[in-house]
Amino acid sequence: MIHLDPDQVSAARQGDRAALASVAQSLQGPVFRLALRMLAHPADAEDATQEILIQIITHLGTIRDDRAAGGWALKVASRHLVGQRKRSRVEAMRMSFKDFADDLDQGLADPEDDPADAAITAIAIEEIKVGCTLAMLTCLSRTLRIAYVLGDIFEMSDSEAAEALEISATAYRQRLSRARQEVTRFVKTHCGIVAQTAACRCEKRLTAARASGRITLGAPAFPLTSPACDIRDLRRRIRTLEEGRRAAALMRSNPDFPTNVGDLILEAMK
């Protein structure tokens, strides 16, 4: 999941600032995407990414094998995200799957059709999908959440994920199985992208999301760009999959969120 050039790592350890910048740039994307899926809030994910990158950059000298730097960095990131005491803003809501389902049932309504704002509205609907899928994961404990993120979203093998989490492959498979069952059970019942019988639709949550201040048209909270995901097309594609594969496909449909946190850290370290 995190791939670092061993030559760049070696040069960075010897004080080459250009190589260090290259390492930081290679780290920032994967670490931020992992943090965002663990914490479900962009600002909290950026804070965690900064903390993780500082840990990695300041401890590069402890690496014995430059070729294993990527795996070591993932261990550092995973350990931090599972073990940090502070809860993200979404985690602090302490939602169970039942709480989350109750929230989804509130305020469903067909959105107003305004062709002039079609592109902006599409991004807002995607933001609802992104926010929903990320918040859903916080209904899992952190240990189950990171097992699911590494295995079903980032598609790491059991052995790779177990090594990153510093547990046995057997223990990892047990955590992944439990997390997968809980997520799959929920989306089969409540997510209209996955299940035709589910009442919730991303577009039907737009009016309530705007009224509550969760969504502001033209100012997405998540780093999203146009053109937005076509929710109706995504719905059709996911429903063609085998039922057991739909939840993971939904989670993997979120974009590769961009960030420049690594650049900011290097600037601050000058």
Protein backbone atom coordinates (compact mmCIF):
# COMPACT_ATOMS: atom_id res chain seq x y z
CA MET A 1 0.00 0.00 0.00
CA ILE A 2 2.87 2.37 0.80
CA HIS A 3 5.67 2.11 -1.75
CA LEU A 4 8.93 3.99 -1.16
CA ASP A 5 11.96 4.07 -3.44
CA PRO A 6 14.79 2.43 -1.43
CA ASP A 7 17.39 4.67 -3.09
CA GLN A 8 15.42 7.77 -2.09
CA VAL A 9 15.05 6.42 1.45
CA SER A 10 18.79 5.75 1.68
CA ALA A 11 19.61 9.24 0.40
CA ALA A 12 17.09 10.85 2.77
CA ARG A 13 18.66 9.06 5.70
CA GLN A 14 21.99 10.58 4.70
CA GLY A 15 20.59 14.10 4.74
CA ASP A 16 19.59 14.65 1.11
CA ARG A 17 16.68 17.10 1.37
CA ALA A 18 15.50 16.51 -2.18
CA ALA A 19 15.27 12.79 -1.43
CA LEU A 20 13.48 13.52 1.84
CA ALA A 21 10.95 15.65 -0.06
CA SER A 22 10.41 12.78 -2.49
CA VAL A 23 9.85 10.33 0.38
CA ALA A 24 7.38 12.70 2.06
CA GLN A 25 5.46 13.14 -1.19
CA SER A 26 5.27 9.37 -1.66
CA LEU A 27 3.96 8.98 1.89
CA GLN A 28 1.40 11.76 2.10
CA GLY A 29 -1.23 10.31 -0.23
CA PRO A 30 -1.43 6.75 1.13
CA VAL A 31 -1.21 7.87 4.77
CA PHE A 32 -3.93 10.51 4.32
CA ARG A 33 -6.25 8.08 2.53
CA LEU A 34 -5.81 5.57 5.34
CA ALA A 35 -6.33 8.24 8.01
CA LEU A 36 -9.46 9.58 6.34
CA ARG A 37 -11.03 6.13 6.20
CA MET A 38 -10.17 5.59 9.85
CA LEU A 39 -11.27 9.00 11.18
CA ALA A 40 -13.98 10.03 8.66
CA HIS A 41 -13.22 13.76 8.92
CA PRO A 42 -10.81 15.60 6.57
CA ALA A 43 -9.33 17.97 9.15
CA ASP A 44 -8.81 15.19 11.70
CA ALA A 45 -7.26 13.02 8.98
CA GLU A 46 -4.88 15.82 8.02
CA ASP A 47 -3.83 16.29 11.65
CA ALA A 48 -3.19 12.56 12.03
CA THR A 49 -1.29 12.46 8.73
CA GLN A 50 0.99 15.26 9.91
CA GLU A 51 1.68 13.43 13.17
CA ILE A 52 2.38 10.16 11.34
CA LEU A 53 4.64 11.75 8.73
CA ILE A 54 6.66 13.49 11.43
CA GLN A 55 7.10 10.15 13.21
CA ILE A 56 8.24 8.48 10.00
CA ILE A 57 10.54 11.28 8.83
CA THR A 58 12.24 11.69 12.21
CA HIS A 59 12.79 7.94 12.59
CA LEU A 60 14.02 7.10 9.09
CA GLY A 61 17.46 6.53 10.57
CA THR A 62 16.18 3.51 12.52
CA ILE A 63 15.38 1.54 9.35
CA ARG A 64 17.73 -1.38 8.78
CA ASP A 65 16.51 -2.34 5.31
CA ASP A 66 15.65 0.52 2.94
CA ARG A 67 13.66 -1.91 0.78
CA ALA A 68 11.26 -2.54 3.70
CA ALA A 69 10.64 1.15 4.39
CA GLY A 70 7.12 1.13 2.93
CA GLY A 71 5.98 -1.73 5.14
CA TRP A 72 7.58 -0.12 8.18
CA ALA A 73 5.82 3.19 7.41
CA LEU A 74 2.46 1.39 7.21
CA LYS A 75 3.10 -0.16 10.61
CA VAL A 76 3.80 3.28 12.06
CA ALA A 77 0.63 4.70 10.50
CA SER A 78 -1.57 1.79 11.56
CA ARG A 79 -0.25 1.80 15.12
CA HIS A 80 -0.90 5.52 15.43
CA LEU A 81 -4.43 5.44 14.01
CA VAL A 82 -5.53 2.51 16.15
CA GLY A 83 -3.82 3.65 19.34
CA GLN A 84 -4.28 7.41 19.45
CA ARG A 85 -6.32 8.56 22.43
CA LYS A 86 -8.06 11.46 20.73
CA ARG A 87 -11.27 10.63 18.91
CA SER A 88 -12.09 12.25 15.61
CA ARG A 89 -15.17 14.46 15.39
CA VAL A 90 -17.14 11.62 13.81
CA GLU A 91 -15.84 9.00 16.25
CA ALA A 92 -16.86 11.27 19.14
CA MET A 93 -20.49 10.80 18.10
CA ARG A 94 -20.07 7.14 19.19
CA MET A 95 -22.57 5.84 16.66
CA SER A 96 -23.62 2.22 16.57
CA PHE A 97 -24.95 0.70 13.37
CA LYS A 98 -28.45 1.12 14.80
CA ASP A 99 -27.84 4.81 15.52
CA PHE A 100 -26.54 5.25 12.01
CA ALA A 101 -29.53 3.48 10.47
CA ASP A 102 -31.91 5.69 12.46
CA ASP A 103 -30.13 8.78 11.14
CA LEU A 104 -30.37 7.56 7.54
CA ASP A 105 -34.13 7.19 7.88
CA GLN A 106 -34.60 10.87 8.70
CA GLY A 107 -35.61 13.46 6.11
CA LEU A 108 -35.50 11.44 2.90
CA ALA A 109 -36.94 13.56 0.07
CA ASP A 110 -36.59 13.95 -3.69
CA PRO A 111 -34.20 16.84 -4.42
CA GLU A 112 -35.22 19.92 -6.40
CA ASP A 113 -34.23 19.57 -10.04
CA ASP A 114 -32.16 22.61 -11.09
CA PRO A 115 -30.30 22.00 -14.38
CA ALA A 116 -28.22 25.17 -13.86
CA ASP A 117 -26.65 23.65 -10.74
CA ALA A 118 -26.41 20.07 -12.03
CA ALA A 119 -22.61 19.77 -11.73
CA ILE A 120 -22.52 21.33 -8.25
CA THR A 121 -25.42 19.16 -7.12
CA ALA A 122 -23.68 16.03 -8.43
CA ILE A 123 -20.60 16.83 -6.34
CA ALA A 124 -22.82 17.42 -3.29
CA ILE A 125 -24.50 14.04 -3.81
CA GLU A 126 -21.10 12.38 -4.08
CA GLU A 127 -20.07 14.14 -0.87
CA ILE A 128 -23.08 12.58 0.83
CA LYS A 129 -22.00 9.15 -0.41
CA VAL A 130 -18.40 9.70 0.71
CA GLY A 131 -19.40 11.05 4.11
CA CYS A 132 -21.87 8.25 4.65
CA THR A 133 -19.49 5.43 3.78
CA LEU A 134 -16.70 6.89 5.93
CA ALA A 135 -18.97 7.55 8.91
CA MET A 136 -20.40 4.05 8.58
CA LEU A 137 -16.96 2.59 9.22
CA THR A 138 -16.72 4.39 12.56
CA CYS A 139 -19.52 2.13 13.80
CA LEU A 140 -16.81 -0.54 13.89
CA SER A 141 -14.19 -0.59 16.63
CA ARG A 142 -10.83 0.73 15.48
CA THR A 143 -9.29 -2.74 15.41
CA LEU A 144 -12.07 -4.09 13.21
CA ARG A 145 -12.14 -0.91 11.13
CA ILE A 146 -8.49 -1.00 10.15
CA ALA A 147 -8.72 -4.71 9.36
CA TYR A 148 -11.60 -3.95 6.98
CA VAL A 149 -9.89 -0.92 5.44
CA LEU A 150 -6.64 -2.77 4.73
CA GLY A 151 -8.30 -5.95 3.50
CA ASP A 152 -11.47 -4.98 1.67
CA ILE A 153 -10.77 -1.39 0.63
CA PHE A 154 -7.03 -1.41 -0.05
CA GLU A 155 -7.12 -5.11 -0.97
CA MET A 156 -4.03 -6.17 0.94
CA SER A 157 -3.41 -9.88 1.43
CA ASP A 158 -3.97 -11.46 4.84
CA SER A 159 -0.24 -11.80 5.43
CA GLU A 160 0.53 -8.21 4.40
CA ALA A 161 -2.24 -6.74 6.55
CA ALA A 162 -1.37 -8.94 9.52
CA GLU A 163 2.25 -7.80 9.33
CA ALA A 164 1.18 -4.15 9.19
CA LEU A 165 -1.00 -4.63 12.27
CA GLU A 166 1.62 -6.76 14.03
CA ILE A 167 -0.76 -9.63 14.68
CA SER A 168 -0.98 -13.20 13.42
CA ALA A 169 -2.61 -13.94 10.09
CA THR A 170 -5.22 -16.02 11.91
CA ALA A 171 -6.13 -13.15 14.22
CA TYR A 172 -6.30 -10.80 11.25
CA ARG A 173 -8.64 -13.07 9.29
CA GLN A 174 -10.95 -13.29 12.30
CA ARG A 175 -11.10 -9.49 12.59
CA LEU A 176 -11.66 -9.02 8.88
CA SER A 177 -14.41 -11.64 8.81
CA ARG A 178 -16.26 -10.01 11.69
CA ALA A 179 -15.92 -6.51 10.22
CA ARG A 180 -17.00 -7.70 6.78
CA GLN A 181 -20.10 -9.38 8.22
CA GLU A 182 -21.16 -6.23 10.08
CA VAL A 183 -20.62 -3.88 7.14
CA THR A 184 -22.27 -6.22 4.64
CA ARG A 185 -25.28 -6.80 6.88
CA PHE A 186 -25.78 -3.05 7.26
CA VAL A 187 -25.50 -2.03 3.61
CA LYS A 188 -27.72 -4.90 2.46
CA THR A 189 -30.49 -3.49 4.64
CA HIS A 190 -29.97 0.27 4.50
CA CYS A 191 -27.92 1.35 1.45
CA GLY A 192 -29.83 2.03 -1.75
CA ILE A 193 -26.66 1.81 -3.83
CA VAL A 194 -26.20 -1.80 -2.78
CA ALA A 195 -29.77 -2.99 -2.31
CA GLN A 196 -32.80 -2.06 -4.38
CA THR A 197 -35.11 -2.66 -1.41
CA ALA A 198 -33.29 -0.15 0.83
CA ALA A 199 -35.09 3.19 1.21
CA CYS A 200 -32.04 5.43 1.47
CA ARG A 201 -30.69 7.13 -1.67
CA CYS A 202 -27.82 9.62 -1.63
CA GLU A 203 -29.81 12.14 -3.67
CA LYS A 204 -32.77 11.84 -1.28
CA ARG A 205 -30.55 12.90 1.62
CA LEU A 206 -29.47 16.13 -0.07
CA THR A 207 -32.28 18.37 1.18
CA ALA A 208 -31.89 17.30 4.81
CA ALA A 209 -28.09 17.46 4.60
CA ARG A 210 -28.24 21.05 3.35
CA ALA A 211 -30.78 22.04 6.00
CA SER A 212 -28.63 20.62 8.79
CA GLY A 213 -25.46 22.27 7.49
CA ARG A 214 -23.72 19.00 6.70
CA ILE A 215 -23.53 19.95 3.01
CA THR A 216 -22.91 23.35 1.43
CA LEU A 217 -23.42 23.48 -2.32
CA GLY A 218 -20.23 24.55 -4.06
CA ALA A 219 -18.05 24.07 -0.98
CA PRO A 220 -17.48 20.34 -0.40
CA ALA A 221 -15.94 19.37 2.94
CA PHE A 222 -14.05 16.53 1.27
CA PRO A 223 -11.43 17.09 -1.44
CA LEU A 224 -13.69 16.31 -4.40
CA THR A 225 -13.34 17.49 -7.98
CA SER A 226 -15.62 17.68 -11.00
CA PRO A 227 -16.88 15.65 -12.73
CA ALA A 228 -18.48 13.88 -9.81
CA CYS A 229 -19.29 10.20 -9.59
CA ASP A 230 -22.57 9.34 -11.31
CA ILE A 231 -24.51 7.84 -8.42
CA ARG A 232 -27.13 6.19 -10.62
CA ASP A 233 -24.47 4.54 -12.77
CA LEU A 234 -22.58 3.42 -9.66
CA ARG A 235 -25.80 1.93 -8.31
CA ARG A 236 -26.32 -0.05 -11.50
CA ARG A 237 -22.73 -1.32 -11.59
CA ILE A 238 -22.62 -2.41 -7.96
CA ARG A 239 -25.91 -4.26 -8.18
CA THR A 240 -24.52 -6.41 -10.99
CA LEU A 241 -21.92 -7.82 -8.58
CA GLU A 242 -22.35 -10.83 -6.37
CA GLU A 243 -24.01 -9.80 -3.13
CA GLY A 244 -20.95 -10.50 -1.00
CA ARG A 245 -18.77 -8.19 -3.09
CA ARG A 246 -21.06 -5.17 -3.15
CA ALA A 247 -20.10 -3.56 0.17
CA ALA A 248 -16.39 -3.52 -0.63
CA ALA A 249 -17.08 -2.18 -4.12
CA LEU A 250 -19.10 0.64 -2.57
CA MET A 251 -16.24 1.52 -0.21
CA ARG A 252 -13.68 1.39 -3.01
CA SER A 253 -15.78 3.75 -5.16
CA ASN A 254 -14.58 6.74 -3.14
CA PRO A 255 -11.94 8.88 -4.90
CA ASP A 256 -8.20 9.04 -4.19
CA PHE A 257 -8.35 12.06 -1.93
CA PRO A 258 -5.48 14.49 -2.67
CA THR A 259 -3.43 16.21 0.04
CA ASN A 260 -0.31 18.36 0.36
CA VAL A 261 0.35 17.67 4.05
CA GLY A 262 3.84 16.33 3.33
CA ASP A 263 4.81 19.54 1.56
CA LEU A 264 3.59 21.61 4.51
CA ILE A 265 5.64 19.55 6.95
CA LEU A 266 8.83 19.93 4.91
CA GLU A 267 8.23 23.67 4.64
CA ALA A 268 7.83 23.91 8.42
CA MET A 269 11.03 21.90 8.97
CA LYS A 270 13.22 24.28 6.93
